[in-house]
Amino acid sequence: MPRPRHGKKTKKLKPTLHIFCEGEKTEPYYLKSYISEYHSSTRQLATILVEKTDKNTPISLVEEAIAHQSRNGLEIDEYWVVYDREAINKYSHEMHQQARQRAIANGIEIAFSNVCFEHWLLLHLEDHRRGYSNCTELLKQSSFKALLASKCGIKNYDKGLPILFEKIKHGINDAKIRAESICNSAVKDAEVGKEAPHYLNPYTDVHKLLDAMKGFEEKVKKK
């Protein structure tokens, strides 16, 4: 006799923290390495995933995260976008404000750096509180490249450098403390009406995303 047919088993979806990055190399390399280093042991319960994307503006990243959330998101899932201030002549204050408002309205979190993600990386190596008008200026005028050479043996910094995380990971806790202090000072000293992060330079709150990863896993374990 033929065996009775049963419906296909549906694969249980794991809660996921989704991350959409503006950068094609620096941010994804860093975050994927961080996840592998500190969050690989809980993959049976939850996933922390850097999503593939070709979007490269704050608004387009936020909209992609919203669309993904609408199509595929579980109620417990979290969504983050990672992007930079960049030069004012590239992204206006109005555009940044629009992106942030859309994110807040849809429960999307933002990990933001003013002026660029390299400031977050620099904080692994020293407490650096100078602002820059663009990333090129930071790379030329800050101590970032010199410190990479002297402390990490990296003489030629490149945004696609996959070994960077391994070389600077010893400074993650210092970077978190320094970033928190910089954010608090920037908000405290902000002009009235210009408290939003895209007005504050320097500013980076990438540490909030790293802390959120741990918080997400703890939340999933309690379910």
Protein backbone atom coordinates (compact mmCIF):
# COMPACT_ATOMS: atom_id res chain seq x y z
CA MET A 1 0.00 0.00 0.00
CA PRO A 2 1.25 3.49 -0.76
CA ARG A 3 2.25 5.49 2.27
CA PRO A 4 -0.12 8.30 3.20
CA ARG A 5 1.13 11.65 2.12
CA HIS A 6 1.77 14.26 4.68
CA GLY A 7 2.21 17.95 4.12
CA LYS A 8 5.74 19.20 3.81
CA LYS A 9 7.30 20.19 7.08
CA THR A 10 7.70 23.92 7.28
CA LYS A 11 11.08 25.04 8.45
CA LYS A 12 10.87 27.09 11.60
CA LEU A 13 12.31 30.52 10.98
CA LYS A 14 14.86 31.76 13.47
CA PRO A 15 14.60 35.26 14.90
CA THR A 16 17.03 37.49 13.05
CA LEU A 17 18.74 40.81 13.58
CA HIS A 18 19.09 42.19 10.06
CA ILE A 19 21.81 44.71 9.19
CA PHE A 20 21.90 46.79 6.00
CA CYS A 21 25.19 48.59 5.36
CA GLU A 22 25.92 51.59 3.16
CA GLY A 23 29.54 50.60 2.57
CA GLU A 24 30.40 47.75 0.23
CA LYS A 25 33.50 46.56 2.10
CA THR A 26 34.62 48.31 5.29
CA GLU A 27 31.40 48.03 7.30
CA PRO A 28 30.37 44.52 6.11
CA TYR A 29 33.88 43.13 6.68
CA TYR A 30 34.05 44.58 10.17
CA LEU A 31 30.54 43.54 11.20
CA LYS A 32 30.73 40.03 9.75
CA SER A 33 34.03 39.50 11.54
CA TYR A 34 32.58 40.83 14.79
CA ILE A 35 29.56 38.53 14.50
CA SER A 36 31.77 35.52 13.78
CA GLU A 37 34.04 36.35 16.72
CA TYR A 38 31.43 37.05 19.37
CA HIS A 39 28.05 35.68 18.26
CA SER A 40 28.63 32.40 16.43
CA SER A 41 27.76 30.24 19.45
CA THR A 42 24.05 31.18 19.46
CA ARG A 43 23.28 30.54 15.79
CA GLN A 44 20.97 27.64 16.71
CA LEU A 45 18.66 30.10 18.45
CA ALA A 46 19.02 33.31 16.51
CA THR A 47 20.76 34.83 13.52
CA ILE A 48 22.61 38.10 13.23
CA LEU A 49 22.92 38.75 9.54
CA VAL A 50 24.56 41.40 7.38
CA GLU A 51 22.19 41.49 4.43
CA LYS A 52 23.36 41.76 0.84
CA THR A 53 22.39 45.10 -0.65
CA ASP A 54 23.38 47.40 -3.48
CA LYS A 55 21.80 50.45 -1.83
CA ASN A 56 24.20 53.20 -0.85
CA THR A 57 22.25 56.17 0.45
CA PRO A 58 20.61 56.60 3.86
CA ILE A 59 17.10 56.83 2.43
CA SER A 60 17.46 53.85 0.09
CA LEU A 61 18.89 51.70 2.91
CA VAL A 62 16.06 52.61 5.25
CA GLU A 63 13.48 51.92 2.54
CA GLU A 64 15.05 48.55 1.76
CA ALA A 65 14.98 47.61 5.44
CA ILE A 66 11.32 48.65 5.65
CA ALA A 67 10.45 46.59 2.57
CA HIS A 68 12.29 43.53 3.90
CA GLN A 69 10.59 43.91 7.26
CA SER A 70 7.18 44.06 5.57
CA ARG A 71 7.83 40.99 3.40
CA ASN A 72 9.79 38.69 5.68
CA GLY A 73 10.17 40.09 9.18
CA LEU A 74 9.11 38.15 12.25
CA GLU A 75 7.60 40.07 15.13
CA ILE A 76 10.74 39.52 17.23
CA ASP A 77 13.16 40.49 14.43
CA GLU A 78 15.22 43.65 14.63
CA TYR A 79 16.37 45.83 11.74
CA TRP A 80 19.43 48.08 11.63
CA VAL A 81 20.89 50.30 8.95
CA VAL A 82 24.52 51.44 9.04
CA TYR A 83 25.53 54.59 7.22
CA ASP A 84 27.68 57.72 7.41
CA ARG A 85 27.07 61.46 7.40
CA GLU A 86 29.45 61.96 4.44
CA ALA A 87 30.13 65.49 3.19
CA ILE A 88 27.26 67.97 3.43
CA ASN A 89 27.44 68.63 -0.31
CA LYS A 90 26.84 64.91 -0.88
CA TYR A 91 23.97 64.29 1.55
CA SER A 92 21.95 67.26 2.77
CA HIS A 93 20.70 67.70 6.32
CA GLU A 94 17.17 67.44 4.96
CA MET A 95 17.88 64.06 3.38
CA HIS A 96 19.38 62.72 6.60
CA GLN A 97 16.39 64.00 8.55
CA GLN A 98 14.00 62.31 6.13
CA ALA A 99 15.86 59.00 6.41
CA ARG A 100 15.84 59.14 10.22
CA GLN A 101 12.15 60.01 10.39
CA ARG A 102 11.28 57.11 8.09
CA ALA A 103 13.40 54.76 10.20
CA ILE A 104 11.86 55.86 13.49
CA ALA A 105 8.34 55.59 12.08
CA ASN A 106 8.96 51.97 11.07
CA GLY A 107 11.00 50.71 14.02
CA ILE A 108 14.29 50.65 12.12
CA GLU A 109 17.42 51.35 14.19
CA ILE A 110 20.38 53.37 12.86
CA ALA A 111 24.11 52.98 13.54
CA PHE A 112 25.49 56.31 12.41
CA SER A 113 28.94 57.87 12.00
CA ASN A 114 29.77 61.49 11.39
CA VAL A 115 31.74 61.89 9.28
CA CYS A 116 32.54 58.26 8.38
CA PHE A 117 32.88 54.71 9.71
CA GLU A 118 36.64 55.16 9.91
CA HIS A 119 36.14 57.37 12.96
CA TRP A 120 34.66 54.35 14.74
CA LEU A 121 37.69 52.30 13.68
CA LEU A 122 40.06 55.04 14.86
CA LEU A 123 38.50 54.94 18.32
CA HIS A 124 39.85 51.39 18.70
CA LEU A 125 43.32 52.93 18.67
CA GLU A 126 42.97 56.30 20.43
CA ASP A 127 40.47 58.74 21.90
CA HIS A 128 40.08 61.03 18.90
CA ARG A 129 37.61 63.92 19.10
CA ARG A 130 38.29 66.04 16.05
CA GLY A 131 35.63 66.42 13.38
CA TYR A 132 36.26 66.26 9.63
CA SER A 133 34.31 67.44 6.61
CA ASN A 134 34.65 64.14 4.73
CA CYS A 135 36.34 60.75 4.93
CA THR A 136 39.24 61.72 2.66
CA GLU A 137 40.10 64.52 5.04
CA LEU A 138 40.01 62.18 8.03
CA LEU A 139 42.31 59.68 6.32
CA LYS A 140 44.78 62.41 5.35
CA GLN A 141 44.80 64.53 8.50
CA SER A 142 44.07 62.18 11.40
CA SER A 143 46.44 59.72 13.06
CA PHE A 144 44.45 56.74 11.75
CA LYS A 145 46.93 55.47 9.16
CA ALA A 146 49.95 56.16 11.36
CA LEU A 147 48.41 54.23 14.25
CA LEU A 148 47.48 51.31 12.00
CA ALA A 149 51.12 51.15 10.92
CA SER A 150 52.68 51.51 14.37
CA LYS A 151 50.20 49.47 16.42
CA CYS A 152 48.86 46.94 13.93
CA GLY A 153 51.53 46.58 11.25
CA ILE A 154 49.14 47.78 8.54
CA LYS A 155 51.11 50.14 6.34
CA ASN A 156 48.61 50.52 3.50
CA TYR A 157 45.03 51.02 4.65
CA ASP A 158 42.38 49.97 2.17
CA LYS A 159 38.60 49.91 2.64
CA GLY A 160 38.59 46.31 1.43
CA LEU A 161 41.11 45.09 4.00
CA PRO A 162 39.64 41.84 5.41
CA ILE A 163 42.27 41.48 8.17
CA LEU A 164 41.52 44.86 9.73
CA PHE A 165 39.10 43.59 12.37
CA GLU A 166 41.56 40.98 13.59
CA LYS A 167 44.23 43.67 13.99
CA ILE A 168 42.11 46.15 15.97
CA LYS A 169 39.64 43.95 17.87
CA HIS A 170 41.66 44.31 21.07
CA GLY A 171 40.42 47.90 21.19
CA ILE A 172 36.68 47.26 20.93
CA ASN A 173 35.87 47.97 24.58
CA ASP A 174 37.94 51.17 24.46
CA ALA A 175 36.12 52.20 21.27
CA LYS A 176 32.73 51.68 22.94
CA ILE A 177 33.68 53.80 25.94
CA ARG A 178 35.16 56.55 23.78
CA ALA A 179 32.20 56.59 21.37
CA GLU A 180 29.71 56.81 24.24
CA SER A 181 31.60 59.75 25.70
CA ILE A 182 31.82 61.52 22.33
CA CYS A 183 28.09 61.05 21.70
CA ASN A 184 27.16 62.38 25.15
CA SER A 185 29.41 65.42 24.74
CA ALA A 186 28.10 66.13 21.23
CA VAL A 187 24.47 66.02 22.32
CA LYS A 188 25.17 68.12 25.41
CA ASP A 189 26.92 70.83 23.38
CA ALA A 190 24.51 70.78 20.42
CA GLU A 191 22.77 73.95 19.27
CA VAL A 192 19.06 74.13 19.92
CA GLY A 193 17.26 72.54 16.99
CA LYS A 194 20.41 70.78 15.82
CA GLU A 195 20.52 67.82 18.20
CA ALA A 196 20.11 65.17 15.49
CA PRO A 197 23.28 63.11 14.87
CA HIS A 198 23.77 64.39 11.32
CA TYR A 199 24.47 67.84 12.80
CA LEU A 200 26.98 66.52 15.35
CA ASN A 201 30.62 66.20 14.31
CA PRO A 202 32.37 64.13 15.48
CA TYR A 203 29.78 61.50 16.33
CA THR A 204 29.56 57.72 16.05
CA ASP A 205 27.14 55.35 17.76
CA VAL A 206 28.17 52.05 16.16
CA HIS A 207 28.66 50.75 19.71
CA LYS A 208 24.88 50.74 20.09
CA LEU A 209 24.58 48.17 17.31
CA LEU A 210 27.21 45.93 18.91
CA ASP A 211 25.41 46.15 22.25
CA ALA A 212 22.10 45.46 20.50
CA MET A 213 23.47 42.17 19.15
CA LYS A 214 24.05 40.90 22.68
CA GLY A 215 20.69 42.23 23.83
CA PHE A 216 18.92 40.56 20.91
CA GLU A 217 20.38 37.15 21.73
CA GLU A 218 19.44 37.51 25.38
CA LYS A 219 15.88 38.44 24.39
CA VAL A 220 15.59 35.39 22.14
CA LYS A 221 16.86 33.06 24.88
CA LYS A 222 14.08 34.26 27.20
CA LYS A 223 11.35 33.48 24.68
